[in-house]
Amino acid sequence: MQEEAKTGIRAAIYLHISLDLEMDGLAIDRQREDCENLAKYRRWEVVETYVD
């Protein structure tokens, strides 16, 4: 059995700080939550998260 068949689609999340004027990290938290929810909905395995 191929590895892909066992794990499904693997995805990485890329979070970008651009409009976080307060610099409180909440924009990143919102992005992370949205991306994780989308991955869960699409049944993707999140293997890495990058923050820029």
PDB file of N, CA and C in Angstrom:
ATOM      1  N   MET A   1       0.846  -1.177   0.000  1.00  0.00           N
ATOM      2  CA  MET A   1       0.000   0.000   0.000  1.00  0.00           C
ATOM      3  C   MET A   1       0.893   1.243   0.000  1.00  0.00           C
ATOM      4  N   GLN A   2       0.574   2.196  -0.837  1.00  0.00           N
ATOM      5  CA  GLN A   2       1.361   3.425  -0.909  1.00  0.00           C
ATOM      6  C   GLN A   2       1.128   4.288   0.323  1.00  0.00           C
ATOM      7  N   GLU A   3       2.168   5.071   0.705  1.00  0.00           N
ATOM      8  CA  GLU A   3       2.071   5.960   1.869  1.00  0.00           C
ATOM      9  C   GLU A   3       0.939   6.964   1.695  1.00  0.00           C
ATOM     10  N   GLU A   4       0.785   7.527   0.486  1.00  0.00           N
ATOM     11  CA  GLU A   4      -0.266   8.517   0.239  1.00  0.00           C
ATOM     12  C   GLU A   4      -1.651   7.927   0.487  1.00  0.00           C
ATOM     13  N   ALA A   5      -1.841   6.680   0.102  1.00  0.00           N
ATOM     14  CA  ALA A   5      -3.142   6.040   0.288  1.00  0.00           C
ATOM     15  C   ALA A   5      -3.469   5.895   1.772  1.00  0.00           C
ATOM     16  N   LYS A   6      -2.438   5.710   2.612  1.00  0.00           N
ATOM     17  CA  LYS A   6      -2.667   5.554   4.043  1.00  0.00           C
ATOM     18  C   LYS A   6      -2.982   6.885   4.723  1.00  0.00           C
ATOM     19  N   THR A   7      -2.305   7.960   4.325  1.00  0.00           N
ATOM     20  CA  THR A   7      -2.431   9.219   5.051  1.00  0.00           C
ATOM     21  C   THR A   7      -3.327  10.237   4.374  1.00  0.00           C
ATOM     22  N   GLY A   8      -3.647  10.057   3.106  1.00  0.00           N
ATOM     23  CA  GLY A   8      -4.446  11.061   2.412  1.00  0.00           C
ATOM     24  C   GLY A   8      -3.598  12.252   1.999  1.00  0.00           C
ATOM     25  N   ILE A   9      -4.202  13.377   1.872  1.00  0.00           N
ATOM     26  CA  ILE A   9      -3.506  14.592   1.432  1.00  0.00           C
ATOM     27  C   ILE A   9      -2.839  15.257   2.622  1.00  0.00           C
ATOM     28  N   ARG A  10      -1.571  15.593   2.439  1.00  0.00           N
ATOM     29  CA  ARG A  10      -0.818  16.298   3.471  1.00  0.00           C
ATOM     30  C   ARG A  10      -0.734  17.764   3.079  1.00  0.00           C
ATOM     31  N   ALA A  11      -0.828  18.639   4.064  1.00  0.00           N
ATOM     32  CA  ALA A  11      -0.842  20.077   3.788  1.00  0.00           C
ATOM     33  C   ALA A  11       0.013  20.818   4.809  1.00  0.00           C
ATOM     34  N   ALA A  12       0.477  21.977   4.391  1.00  0.00           N
ATOM     35  CA  ALA A  12       1.182  22.889   5.295  1.00  0.00           C
ATOM     36  C   ALA A  12       0.361  24.160   5.395  1.00  0.00           C
ATOM     37  N   ILE A  13       0.410  24.789   6.546  1.00  0.00           N
ATOM     38  CA  ILE A  13      -0.281  26.055   6.771  1.00  0.00           C
ATOM     39  C   ILE A  13       0.766  27.155   6.803  1.00  0.00           C
ATOM     40  N   TYR A  14       0.510  28.213   6.054  1.00  0.00           N
ATOM     41  CA  TYR A  14       1.396  29.380   6.031  1.00  0.00           C
ATOM     42  C   TYR A  14       0.616  30.561   6.581  1.00  0.00           C
ATOM     43  N   LEU A  15       1.069  31.119   7.693  1.00  0.00           N
ATOM     44  CA  LEU A  15       0.409  32.249   8.345  1.00  0.00           C
ATOM     45  C   LEU A  15       1.290  33.479   8.177  1.00  0.00           C
ATOM     46  N   HIS A  16       0.682  34.583   7.782  1.00  0.00           N
ATOM     47  CA  HIS A  16       1.444  35.794   7.485  1.00  0.00           C
ATOM     48  C   HIS A  16       0.948  36.967   8.319  1.00  0.00           C
ATOM     49  N   ILE A  17       1.861  37.593   9.025  1.00  0.00           N
ATOM     50  CA  ILE A  17       1.524  38.788   9.802  1.00  0.00           C
ATOM     51  C   ILE A  17       1.650  39.996   8.881  1.00  0.00           C
ATOM     52  N   SER A  18       0.531  40.613   8.547  1.00  0.00           N
ATOM     53  CA  SER A  18       0.603  41.796   7.701  1.00  0.00           C
ATOM     54  C   SER A  18      -0.275  42.922   8.228  1.00  0.00           C
ATOM     55  N   LEU A  19      -1.449  42.574   8.719  1.00  0.00           N
ATOM     56  CA  LEU A  19      -2.387  43.594   9.176  1.00  0.00           C
ATOM     57  C   LEU A  19      -2.657  43.503  10.670  1.00  0.00           C
ATOM     58  N   ASP A  20      -1.728  42.947  11.410  1.00  0.00           N
ATOM     59  CA  ASP A  20      -1.885  42.832  12.856  1.00  0.00           C
ATOM     60  C   ASP A  20      -1.381  44.126  13.492  1.00  0.00           C
ATOM     61  N   LEU A  21      -2.149  45.200  13.326  1.00  0.00           N
ATOM     62  CA  LEU A  21      -1.730  46.518  13.780  1.00  0.00           C
ATOM     63  C   LEU A  21      -1.505  46.579  15.289  1.00  0.00           C
ATOM     64  N   GLU A  22      -2.252  45.784  16.018  1.00  0.00           N
ATOM     65  CA  GLU A  22      -2.121  45.751  17.479  1.00  0.00           C
ATOM     66  C   GLU A  22      -0.907  44.933  17.916  1.00  0.00           C
ATOM     67  N   MET A  23      -0.381  44.104  17.019  1.00  0.00           N
ATOM     68  CA  MET A  23       0.724  43.200  17.317  1.00  0.00           C
ATOM     69  C   MET A  23       0.441  42.332  18.543  1.00  0.00           C
ATOM     70  N   ASP A  24      -0.818  41.891  18.644  1.00  0.00           N
ATOM     71  CA  ASP A  24      -1.212  41.050  19.773  1.00  0.00           C
ATOM     72  C   ASP A  24      -1.294  39.572  19.389  1.00  0.00           C
ATOM     73  N   GLY A  25      -1.013  39.267  18.112  1.00  0.00           N
ATOM     74  CA  GLY A  25      -1.023  37.882  17.669  1.00  0.00           C
ATOM     75  C   GLY A  25      -2.392  37.331  17.347  1.00  0.00           C
ATOM     76  N   LEU A  26      -3.434  38.116  17.564  1.00  0.00           N
ATOM     77  CA  LEU A  26      -4.782  37.603  17.323  1.00  0.00           C
ATOM     78  C   LEU A  26      -5.045  37.334  15.848  1.00  0.00           C
ATOM     79  N   ALA A  27      -4.456  38.128  14.961  1.00  0.00           N
ATOM     80  CA  ALA A  27      -4.639  37.893  13.525  1.00  0.00           C
ATOM     81  C   ALA A  27      -4.084  36.521  13.143  1.00  0.00           C
ATOM     82  N   ILE A  28      -2.933  36.182  13.684  1.00  0.00           N
ATOM     83  CA  ILE A  28      -2.333  34.874  13.420  1.00  0.00           C
ATOM     84  C   ILE A  28      -3.201  33.765  14.002  1.00  0.00           C
ATOM     85  N   ASP A  29      -3.720  33.965  15.183  1.00  0.00           N
ATOM     86  CA  ASP A  29      -4.596  32.967  15.792  1.00  0.00           C
ATOM     87  C   ASP A  29      -5.833  32.720  14.941  1.00  0.00           C
ATOM     88  N   ARG A  30      -6.418  33.799  14.414  1.00  0.00           N
ATOM     89  CA  ARG A  30      -7.593  33.660  13.552  1.00  0.00           C
ATOM     90  C   ARG A  30      -7.243  32.921  12.270  1.00  0.00           C
ATOM     91  N   GLN A  31      -6.111  33.282  11.668  1.00  0.00           N
ATOM     92  CA  GLN A  31      -5.684  32.599  10.442  1.00  0.00           C
ATOM     93  C   GLN A  31      -5.474  31.108  10.701  1.00  0.00           C
ATOM     94  N   ARG A  32      -4.779  30.811  11.807  1.00  0.00           N
ATOM     95  CA  ARG A  32      -4.487  29.409  12.133  1.00  0.00           C
ATOM     96  C   ARG A  32      -5.792  28.621  12.309  1.00  0.00           C
ATOM     97  N   GLU A  33      -6.729  29.198  13.052  1.00  0.00           N
ATOM     98  CA  GLU A  33      -8.001  28.520  13.279  1.00  0.00           C
ATOM     99  C   GLU A  33      -8.747  28.280  11.974  1.00  0.00           C
ATOM    100  N   ASP A  34      -8.799  29.297  11.121  1.00  0.00           N
ATOM    101  CA  ASP A  34      -9.483  29.149   9.829  1.00  0.00           C
ATOM    102  C   ASP A  34      -8.824  28.065   8.970  1.00  0.00           C
ATOM    103  N   CYS A  35      -7.496  28.084   8.918  1.00  0.00           N
ATOM    104  CA  CYS A  35      -6.772  27.102   8.102  1.00  0.00           C
ATOM    105  C   CYS A  35      -6.944  25.685   8.653  1.00  0.00           C
ATOM    106  N   GLU A  36      -6.857  25.538   9.963  1.00  0.00           N
ATOM    107  CA  GLU A  36      -7.038  24.218  10.560  1.00  0.00           C
ATOM    108  C   GLU A  36      -8.449  23.694  10.339  1.00  0.00           C
ATOM    109  N   ASN A  37      -9.447  24.574  10.422  1.00  0.00           N
ATOM    110  CA  ASN A  37     -10.827  24.156  10.166  1.00  0.00           C
ATOM    111  C   ASN A  37     -11.014  23.729   8.715  1.00  0.00           C
ATOM    112  N   LEU A  38     -10.406  24.452   7.785  1.00  0.00           N
ATOM    113  CA  LEU A  38     -10.506  24.082   6.376  1.00  0.00           C
ATOM    114  C   LEU A  38      -9.843  22.730   6.126  1.00  0.00           C
ATOM    115  N   ALA A  39      -8.673  22.534   6.696  1.00  0.00           N
ATOM    116  CA  ALA A  39      -7.967  21.264   6.526  1.00  0.00           C
ATOM    117  C   ALA A  39      -8.797  20.111   7.096  1.00  0.00           C
ATOM    118  N   LYS A  40      -9.385  20.322   8.252  1.00  0.00           N
ATOM    119  CA  LYS A  40     -10.224  19.279   8.852  1.00  0.00           C
ATOM    120  C   LYS A  40     -11.426  18.975   7.963  1.00  0.00           C
ATOM    121  N   TYR A  41     -12.073  20.026   7.456  1.00  0.00           N
ATOM    122  CA  TYR A  41     -13.238  19.861   6.584  1.00  0.00           C
ATOM    123  C   TYR A  41     -12.884  19.062   5.331  1.00  0.00           C
ATOM    124  N   ARG A  42     -11.702  19.350   4.780  1.00  0.00           N
ATOM    125  CA  ARG A  42     -11.267  18.668   3.553  1.00  0.00           C
ATOM    126  C   ARG A  42     -10.515  17.369   3.828  1.00  0.00           C
ATOM    127  N   ARG A  43     -10.383  17.023   5.105  1.00  0.00           N
ATOM    128  CA  ARG A  43      -9.710  15.797   5.530  1.00  0.00           C
ATOM    129  C   ARG A  43      -8.249  15.768   5.098  1.00  0.00           C
ATOM    130  N   TRP A  44      -7.594  16.924   5.216  1.00  0.00           N
ATOM    131  CA  TRP A  44      -6.160  17.021   4.950  1.00  0.00           C
ATOM    132  C   TRP A  44      -5.412  16.858   6.262  1.00  0.00           C
ATOM    133  N   GLU A  45      -4.254  16.260   6.188  1.00  0.00           N
ATOM    134  CA  GLU A  45      -3.386  16.134   7.357  1.00  0.00           C
ATOM    135  C   GLU A  45      -2.426  17.316   7.369  1.00  0.00           C
ATOM    136  N   VAL A  46      -2.508  18.169   8.355  1.00  0.00           N
ATOM    137  CA  VAL A  46      -1.587  19.306   8.463  1.00  0.00           C
ATOM    138  C   VAL A  46      -0.290  18.767   9.061  1.00  0.00           C
ATOM    139  N   VAL A  47       0.785  18.891   8.275  1.00  0.00           N
ATOM    140  CA  VAL A  47       2.074  18.338   8.708  1.00  0.00           C
ATOM    141  C   VAL A  47       3.060  19.421   9.172  1.00  0.00           C
ATOM    142  N   GLU A  48       2.781  20.676   8.835  1.00  0.00           N
ATOM    143  CA  GLU A  48       3.682  21.756   9.223  1.00  0.00           C
ATOM    144  C   GLU A  48       2.915  23.070   9.211  1.00  0.00           C
ATOM    145  N   THR A  49       3.301  23.984  10.077  1.00  0.00           N
ATOM    146  CA  THR A  49       2.731  25.329  10.106  1.00  0.00           C
ATOM    147  C   THR A  49       3.890  26.318  10.122  1.00  0.00           C
ATOM    148  N   TYR A  50       3.838  27.267   9.192  1.00  0.00           N
ATOM    149  CA  TYR A  50       4.867  28.292   9.070  1.00  0.00           C
ATOM    150  C   TYR A  50       4.266  29.655   9.412  1.00  0.00           C
ATOM    151  N   VAL A  51       5.000  30.466  10.129  1.00  0.00           N
ATOM    152  CA  VAL A  51       4.554  31.821  10.472  1.00  0.00           C
ATOM    153  C   VAL A  51       5.604  32.803   9.977  1.00  0.00           C
ATOM    154  N   ASP A  52       5.132  33.791   9.228  1.00  0.00           N
ATOM    155  CA  ASP A  52       6.026  34.808   8.666  1.00  0.00           C
ATOM    156  C   ASP A  52       5.606  36.171   9.163  1.00  0.00           C
TER     157      ASP A  52
END
